[in-house]
Each structure stands twice: as C-alpha cells, then as structure tokens.
PDB file of all heavy atoms in Angstrom:
ATOM      1  N   THR A   1     -30.676 -65.475  62.787  1.00  0.00           N
ATOM      2  CA  THR A   1     -31.855 -64.840  62.224  1.00  0.00           C
ATOM      3  C   THR A   1     -33.033 -65.798  62.212  1.00  0.00           C
ATOM      4  O   THR A   1     -32.934 -66.926  61.744  1.00  0.00           O
ATOM      5  CB  THR A   1     -31.587 -64.380  60.781  1.00  0.00           C
ATOM      6  OG1 THR A   1     -30.440 -63.545  60.775  1.00  0.00           O
ATOM      7  CG2 THR A   1     -32.782 -63.617  60.223  1.00  0.00           C
ATOM      8  N   VAL A   2     -34.125 -65.317  62.725  1.00  0.00           N
ATOM      9  CA  VAL A   2     -35.381 -66.048  62.603  1.00  0.00           C
ATOM     10  C   VAL A   2     -36.220 -65.409  61.501  1.00  0.00           C
ATOM     11  O   VAL A   2     -36.732 -66.062  60.618  1.00  0.00           O
ATOM     12  CB  VAL A   2     -36.164 -66.034  63.945  1.00  0.00           C
ATOM     13  CG1 VAL A   2     -37.507 -66.734  63.776  1.00  0.00           C
ATOM     14  CG2 VAL A   2     -35.346 -66.696  65.039  1.00  0.00           C
ATOM     15  N   GLU A   3     -36.308 -64.092  61.538  1.00  0.00           N
ATOM     16  CA  GLU A   3     -37.073 -63.367  60.534  1.00  0.00           C
ATOM     17  C   GLU A   3     -36.578 -61.933  60.502  1.00  0.00           C
ATOM     18  O   GLU A   3     -36.272 -61.355  61.543  1.00  0.00           O
ATOM     19  CB  GLU A   3     -38.558 -63.384  60.887  1.00  0.00           C
ATOM     20  CG  GLU A   3     -39.439 -62.725  59.837  1.00  0.00           C
ATOM     21  CD  GLU A   3     -40.905 -62.787  60.238  1.00  0.00           C
ATOM     22  OE1 GLU A   3     -41.205 -63.407  61.263  1.00  0.00           O
ATOM     23  OE2 GLU A   3     -41.714 -62.180  59.517  1.00  0.00           O
ATOM     24  N   LYS A   4     -36.479 -61.320  59.310  1.00  0.00           N
ATOM     25  CA  LYS A   4     -36.047 -59.941  59.164  1.00  0.00           C
ATOM     26  C   LYS A   4     -37.201 -59.058  58.710  1.00  0.00           C
ATOM     27  O   LYS A   4     -38.073 -59.492  57.970  1.00  0.00           O
ATOM     28  CB  LYS A   4     -34.908 -59.820  58.134  1.00  0.00           C
ATOM     29  CG  LYS A   4     -33.569 -60.296  58.608  1.00  0.00           C
ATOM     30  CD  LYS A   4     -32.531 -59.995  57.549  1.00  0.00           C
ATOM     31  CE  LYS A   4     -31.139 -60.444  57.988  1.00  0.00           C
ATOM     32  NZ  LYS A   4     -30.132 -60.150  56.948  1.00  0.00           N
ATOM     33  N   ASP A   5     -37.137 -57.801  59.154  1.00  0.00           N
ATOM     34  CA  ASP A   5     -38.049 -56.795  58.634  1.00  0.00           C
ATOM     35  C   ASP A   5     -37.740 -56.613  57.148  1.00  0.00           C
ATOM     36  O   ASP A   5     -36.590 -56.648  56.736  1.00  0.00           O
ATOM     37  CB  ASP A   5     -37.823 -55.474  59.388  1.00  0.00           C
ATOM     38  CG  ASP A   5     -38.807 -54.408  58.960  1.00  0.00           C
ATOM     39  OD1 ASP A   5     -38.632 -53.872  57.856  1.00  0.00           O
ATOM     40  OD2 ASP A   5     -39.714 -54.106  59.741  1.00  0.00           O
ATOM     41  N   ALA A   6     -38.772 -56.394  56.326  1.00  0.00           N
ATOM     42  CA  ALA A   6     -38.583 -56.311  54.873  1.00  0.00           C
ATOM     43  C   ALA A   6     -37.713 -55.130  54.471  1.00  0.00           C
ATOM     44  O   ALA A   6     -37.113 -55.134  53.398  1.00  0.00           O
ATOM     45  CB  ALA A   6     -39.941 -56.214  54.185  1.00  0.00           C
ATOM     46  N   THR A   7     -37.632 -54.101  55.321  1.00  0.00           N
ATOM     47  CA  THR A   7     -36.850 -52.923  54.959  1.00  0.00           C
ATOM     48  C   THR A   7     -35.395 -53.033  55.397  1.00  0.00           C
ATOM     49  O   THR A   7     -34.599 -52.155  55.113  1.00  0.00           O
ATOM     50  CB  THR A   7     -37.450 -51.664  55.615  1.00  0.00           C
ATOM     51  OG1 THR A   7     -37.374 -51.803  57.046  1.00  0.00           O
ATOM     52  CG2 THR A   7     -38.889 -51.453  55.201  1.00  0.00           C
ATOM     53  N   TYR A   8     -35.048 -54.116  56.065  1.00  0.00           N
ATOM     54  CA  TYR A   8     -33.702 -54.240  56.614  1.00  0.00           C
ATOM     55  C   TYR A   8     -32.732 -54.771  55.564  1.00  0.00           C
ATOM     56  O   TYR A   8     -32.962 -55.782  54.924  1.00  0.00           O
ATOM     57  CB  TYR A   8     -33.714 -55.160  57.835  1.00  0.00           C
ATOM     58  CG  TYR A   8     -32.350 -55.381  58.411  1.00  0.00           C
ATOM     59  CD1 TYR A   8     -31.703 -54.367  59.100  1.00  0.00           C
ATOM     60  CD2 TYR A   8     -31.699 -56.593  58.241  1.00  0.00           C
ATOM     61  CE1 TYR A   8     -30.443 -54.546  59.620  1.00  0.00           C
ATOM     62  CE2 TYR A   8     -30.431 -56.786  58.758  1.00  0.00           C
ATOM     63  CZ  TYR A   8     -29.815 -55.772  59.450  1.00  0.00           C
ATOM     64  OH  TYR A   8     -28.562 -55.955  59.968  1.00  0.00           O
ATOM     65  N   LYS A   9     -31.625 -54.041  55.371  1.00  0.00           N
ATOM     66  CA  LYS A   9     -30.598 -54.473  54.430  1.00  0.00           C
ATOM     67  C   LYS A   9     -29.231 -54.172  55.031  1.00  0.00           C
ATOM     68  O   LYS A   9     -29.065 -53.242  55.801  1.00  0.00           O
ATOM     69  CB  LYS A   9     -30.715 -53.724  53.087  1.00  0.00           C
ATOM     70  CG  LYS A   9     -32.001 -53.946  52.317  1.00  0.00           C
ATOM     71  CD  LYS A   9     -31.934 -53.222  50.984  1.00  0.00           C
ATOM     72  CE  LYS A   9     -33.207 -53.402  50.177  1.00  0.00           C
ATOM     73  NZ  LYS A   9     -34.301 -52.575  50.710  1.00  0.00           N
ATOM     74  N   ARG A  10     -28.253 -54.981  54.614  1.00  0.00           N
ATOM     75  CA  ARG A  10     -26.874 -54.717  54.995  1.00  0.00           C
ATOM     76  C   ARG A  10     -26.207 -53.890  53.897  1.00  0.00           C
ATOM     77  O   ARG A  10     -26.512 -54.025  52.719  1.00  0.00           O
ATOM     78  CB  ARG A  10     -26.101 -56.016  55.178  1.00  0.00           C
ATOM     79  CG  ARG A  10     -26.634 -56.911  56.279  1.00  0.00           C
ATOM     80  CD  ARG A  10     -26.311 -56.356  57.654  1.00  0.00           C
ATOM     81  NE  ARG A  10     -24.928 -56.605  58.016  1.00  0.00           N
ATOM     82  CZ  ARG A  10     -24.330 -56.046  59.058  1.00  0.00           C
ATOM     83  NH1 ARG A  10     -24.982 -55.180  59.804  1.00  0.00           N
ATOM     84  NH2 ARG A  10     -23.080 -56.324  59.354  1.00  0.00           N
ATOM     85  N   ILE A  11     -25.275 -53.018  54.298  1.00  0.00           N
ATOM     86  CA  ILE A  11     -24.523 -52.211  53.339  1.00  0.00           C
ATOM     87  C   ILE A  11     -23.039 -52.412  53.599  1.00  0.00           C
ATOM     88  O   ILE A  11     -22.585 -52.331  54.745  1.00  0.00           O
ATOM     89  CB  ILE A  11     -24.835 -50.710  53.491  1.00  0.00           C
ATOM     90  CG1 ILE A  11     -26.304 -50.428  53.184  1.00  0.00           C
ATOM     91  CG2 ILE A  11     -23.953 -49.880  52.563  1.00  0.00           C
ATOM     92  CD1 ILE A  11     -26.686 -48.993  53.428  1.00  0.00           C
ATOM     93  N   THR A  12     -22.292 -52.680  52.529  1.00  0.00           N
ATOM     94  CA  THR A  12     -20.832 -52.682  52.618  1.00  0.00           C
ATOM     95  C   THR A  12     -20.335 -51.345  52.082  1.00  0.00           C
ATOM     96  O   THR A  12     -20.756 -50.909  51.007  1.00  0.00           O
ATOM     97  CB  THR A  12     -20.228 -53.831  51.799  1.00  0.00           C
ATOM     98  OG1 THR A  12     -20.736 -55.080  52.299  1.00  0.00           O
ATOM     99  CG2 THR A  12     -18.714 -53.829  51.905  1.00  0.00           C
ATOM    100  N   GLN A  13     -19.446 -50.720  52.831  1.00  0.00           N
ATOM    101  CA  GLN A  13     -19.000 -49.377  52.484  1.00  0.00           C
ATOM    102  C   GLN A  13     -17.484 -49.310  52.373  1.00  0.00           C
ATOM    103  O   GLN A  13     -16.767 -49.843  53.206  1.00  0.00           O
ATOM    104  CB  GLN A  13     -19.484 -48.391  53.554  1.00  0.00           C
ATOM    105  CG  GLN A  13     -19.134 -46.935  53.270  1.00  0.00           C
ATOM    106  CD  GLN A  13     -19.556 -46.027  54.402  1.00  0.00           C
ATOM    107  OE1 GLN A  13     -18.826 -45.869  55.376  1.00  0.00           O
ATOM    108  NE2 GLN A  13     -20.744 -45.438  54.293  1.00  0.00           N
ATOM    109  N   LEU A  14     -17.021 -48.621  51.328  1.00  0.00           N
ATOM    110  CA  LEU A  14     -15.593 -48.377  51.127  1.00  0.00           C
ATOM    111  C   LEU A  14     -15.388 -46.868  51.095  1.00  0.00           C
ATOM    112  O   LEU A  14     -16.067 -46.152  50.356  1.00  0.00           O
ATOM    113  CB  LEU A  14     -15.131 -48.999  49.806  1.00  0.00           C
ATOM    114  CG  LEU A  14     -13.665 -48.787  49.401  1.00  0.00           C
ATOM    115  CD1 LEU A  14     -12.750 -49.583  50.311  1.00  0.00           C
ATOM    116  CD2 LEU A  14     -13.453 -49.188  47.949  1.00  0.00           C
ATOM    117  N   ARG A  15     -14.457 -46.364  51.899  1.00  0.00           N
ATOM    118  CA  ARG A  15     -14.177 -44.930  51.940  1.00  0.00           C
ATOM    119  C   ARG A  15     -12.738 -44.692  51.493  1.00  0.00           C
ATOM    120  O   ARG A  15     -11.806 -45.324  51.994  1.00  0.00           O
ATOM    121  CB  ARG A  15     -14.388 -44.378  53.348  1.00  0.00           C
ATOM    122  CG  ARG A  15     -15.751 -44.679  53.922  1.00  0.00           C
ATOM    123  CD  ARG A  15     -15.838 -44.301  55.394  1.00  0.00           C
ATOM    124  NE  ARG A  15     -16.169 -42.898  55.541  1.00  0.00           N
ATOM    125  CZ  ARG A  15     -17.401 -42.451  55.772  1.00  0.00           C
ATOM    126  NH1 ARG A  15     -18.399 -43.307  55.878  1.00  0.00           N
ATOM    127  NH2 ARG A  15     -17.626 -41.170  55.908  1.00  0.00           N
ATOM    128  N   ILE A  16     -12.560 -43.768  50.557  1.00  0.00           N
ATOM    129  CA  ILE A  16     -11.243 -43.446  50.014  1.00  0.00           C
ATOM    130  C   ILE A  16     -10.975 -41.961  50.249  1.00  0.00           C
ATOM    131  O   ILE A  16     -11.671 -41.102  49.696  1.00  0.00           O
ATOM    132  CB  ILE A  16     -11.170 -43.761  48.504  1.00  0.00           C
ATOM    133  CG1 ILE A  16     -11.536 -45.222  48.245  1.00  0.00           C
ATOM    134  CG2 ILE A  16      -9.791 -43.432  47.955  1.00  0.00           C
ATOM    135  CD1 ILE A  16     -11.731 -45.555  46.781  1.00  0.00           C
ATOM    136  N   GLY A  17     -10.009 -41.647  51.082  1.00  0.00           N
ATOM    137  CA  GLY A  17      -9.690 -40.264  51.368  1.00  0.00           C
ATOM    138  C   GLY A  17      -9.011 -39.593  50.181  1.00  0.00           C
ATOM    139  O   GLY A  17      -8.272 -40.225  49.421  1.00  0.00           O
ATOM    140  N   MET A  18      -9.279 -38.287  49.995  1.00  0.00           N
ATOM    141  CA  MET A  18      -8.657 -37.522  48.916  1.00  0.00           C
ATOM    142  C   MET A  18      -7.632 -36.552  49.498  1.00  0.00           C
ATOM    143  O   MET A  18      -7.746 -36.139  50.651  1.00  0.00           O
ATOM    144  CB  MET A  18      -9.725 -36.746  48.131  1.00  0.00           C
ATOM    145  CG  MET A  18     -10.678 -37.640  47.359  1.00  0.00           C
ATOM    146  SD  MET A  18     -11.733 -36.717  46.193  1.00  0.00           S
ATOM    147  CE  MET A  18     -12.904 -35.940  47.305  1.00  0.00           C
ATOM    148  N   PRO A  19      -6.624 -36.153  48.715  1.00  0.00           N
ATOM    149  CA  PRO A  19      -5.618 -35.203  49.205  1.00  0.00           C
ATOM    150  C   PRO A  19      -6.250 -33.868  49.586  1.00  0.00           C
ATOM    151  O   PRO A  19      -7.254 -33.458  49.009  1.00  0.00           O
ATOM    152  CB  PRO A  19      -4.673 -35.027  48.000  1.00  0.00           C
ATOM    153  CG  PRO A  19      -4.936 -36.198  47.123  1.00  0.00           C
ATOM    154  CD  PRO A  19      -6.359 -36.588  47.335  1.00  0.00           C
ATOM    155  N   GLN A  20      -5.657 -33.183  50.555  1.00  0.00           N
ATOM    156  CA  GLN A  20      -6.191 -31.901  51.002  1.00  0.00           C
ATOM    157  C   GLN A  20      -6.143 -30.834  49.902  1.00  0.00           C
ATOM    158  O   GLN A  20      -6.928 -29.895  49.892  1.00  0.00           O
ATOM    159  CB  GLN A  20      -5.406 -31.411  52.232  1.00  0.00           C
ATOM    160  CG  GLN A  20      -5.659 -32.234  53.482  1.00  0.00           C
ATOM    161  CD  GLN A  20      -7.124 -32.251  53.888  1.00  0.00           C
ATOM    162  OE1 GLN A  20      -7.775 -31.219  53.905  1.00  0.00           O
ATOM    163  NE2 GLN A  20      -7.638 -33.442  54.195  1.00  0.00           N
ATOM    164  N   SER A  21      -5.212 -30.985  48.976  1.00  0.00           N
ATOM    165  CA  SER A  21      -5.046 -29.984  47.910  1.00  0.00           C
ATOM    166  C   SER A  21      -5.991 -30.199  46.735  1.00  0.00           C
ATOM    167  O   SER A  21      -5.915 -29.476  45.739  1.00  0.00           O
ATOM    168  CB  SER A  21      -3.606 -30.035  47.391  1.00  0.00           C
ATOM    169  OG  SER A  21      -3.326 -31.317  46.838  1.00  0.00           O
ATOM    170  N   VAL A  22      -6.906 -31.158  46.836  1.00  0.00           N
ATOM    171  CA  VAL A  22      -7.715 -31.548  45.682  1.00  0.00           C
ATOM    172  C   VAL A  22      -8.613 -30.407  45.198  1.00  0.00           C
ATOM    173  O   VAL A  22      -8.900 -30.312  44.000  1.00  0.00           O
ATOM    174  CB  VAL A  22      -8.543 -32.813  46.019  1.00  0.00           C
ATOM    175  CG1 VAL A  22      -9.689 -32.490  46.969  1.00  0.00           C
ATOM    176  CG2 VAL A  22      -9.076 -33.459  44.742  1.00  0.00           C
ATOM    177  N   MET A  23      -9.049 -29.523  46.091  1.00  0.00           N
ATOM    178  CA  MET A  23      -9.909 -28.411  45.692  1.00  0.00           C
ATOM    179  C   MET A  23      -9.222 -27.542  44.634  1.00  0.00           C
ATOM    180  O   MET A  23      -9.826 -27.166  43.625  1.00  0.00           O
ATOM    181  CB  MET A  23     -10.271 -27.561  46.908  1.00  0.00           C
ATOM    182  CG  MET A  23     -11.059 -26.307  46.583  1.00  0.00           C
ATOM    183  SD  MET A  23     -11.500 -25.358  48.048  1.00  0.00           S
ATOM    184  CE  MET A  23      -9.895 -24.702  48.525  1.00  0.00           C
ATOM    185  N   PHE A  24      -7.950 -27.218  44.854  1.00  0.00           N
ATOM    186  CA  PHE A  24      -7.224 -26.376  43.903  1.00  0.00           C
ATOM    187  C   PHE A  24      -6.913 -27.135  42.622  1.00  0.00           C
ATOM    188  O   PHE A  24      -6.874 -26.544  41.539  1.00  0.00           O
ATOM    189  CB  PHE A  24      -5.950 -25.843  44.559  1.00  0.00           C
ATOM    190  CG  PHE A  24      -6.225 -25.000  45.771  1.00  0.00           C
ATOM    191  CD1 PHE A  24      -6.048 -25.510  47.042  1.00  0.00           C
ATOM    192  CD2 PHE A  24      -6.702 -23.702  45.640  1.00  0.00           C
ATOM    193  CE1 PHE A  24      -6.326 -24.742  48.162  1.00  0.00           C
ATOM    194  CE2 PHE A  24      -6.977 -22.928  46.752  1.00  0.00           C
ATOM    195  CZ  PHE A  24      -6.788 -23.452  48.014  1.00  0.00           C
ATOM    196  N   LYS A  25      -6.709 -28.443  42.729  1.00  0.00           N
ATOM    197  CA  LYS A  25      -6.496 -29.260  41.538  1.00  0.00           C
ATOM    198  C   LYS A  25      -7.743 -29.267  40.664  1.00  0.00           C
ATOM    199  O   LYS A  25      -7.659 -29.237  39.435  1.00  0.00           O
ATOM    200  CB  LYS A  25      -6.108 -30.692  41.941  1.00  0.00           C
ATOM    201  CG  LYS A  25      -4.721 -30.831  42.516  1.00  0.00           C
ATOM    202  CD  LYS A  25      -3.662 -30.632  41.426  1.00  0.00           C
ATOM    203  CE  LYS A  25      -2.265 -30.889  41.959  1.00  0.00           C
ATOM    204  NZ  LYS A  25      -1.235 -30.718  40.916  1.00  0.00           N
ATOM    205  N   ARG A  26      -8.923 -29.344  41.313  1.00  0.00           N
ATOM    206  CA  ARG A  26     -10.167 -29.308  40.537  1.00  0.00           C
ATOM    207  C   ARG A  26     -10.354 -27.957  39.862  1.00  0.00           C
ATOM    208  O   ARG A  26     -10.979 -27.853  38.802  1.00  0.00           O
ATOM    209  CB  ARG A  26     -11.367 -29.604  41.451  1.00  0.00           C
ATOM    210  CG  ARG A  26     -11.575 -31.075  41.769  1.00  0.00           C
ATOM    211  CD  ARG A  26     -12.973 -31.349  42.291  1.00  0.00           C
ATOM    212  NE  ARG A  26     -13.258 -30.648  43.524  1.00  0.00           N
ATOM    213  CZ  ARG A  26     -13.087 -31.147  44.739  1.00  0.00           C
ATOM    214  NH1 ARG A  26     -12.613 -32.375  44.873  1.00  0.00           N
ATOM    215  NH2 ARG A  26     -13.382 -30.450  45.821  1.00  0.00           N
ATOM    216  N   ALA A  27      -9.833 -26.904  40.479  1.00  0.00           N
ATOM    217  CA  ALA A  27     -10.005 -25.551  39.936  1.00  0.00           C
ATOM    218  C   ALA A  27      -9.098 -25.273  38.748  1.00  0.00           C
ATOM    219  O   ALA A  27      -9.442 -24.460  37.870  1.00  0.00           O
ATOM    220  CB  ALA A  27      -9.738 -24.522  41.032  1.00  0.00           C
TER     221      ALA A  27
END
C-alpha cells in the first residue's frame, strides 16, 4: 500500500447456516 482511498475498508465476514426447518420452528 502506498495510499488508500478514504472510503476503502476491509470487512471480515462470518456466515452461519441455519437448519432448513427453522421457518416452522419460528412459527
């Protein structure tokens, strides 16, 4: 890196899958 645009940011992301039956569990 020499210089970054002020709007540039890194994001760390975590994704957790839910069971397929979760809709009925919520109901």
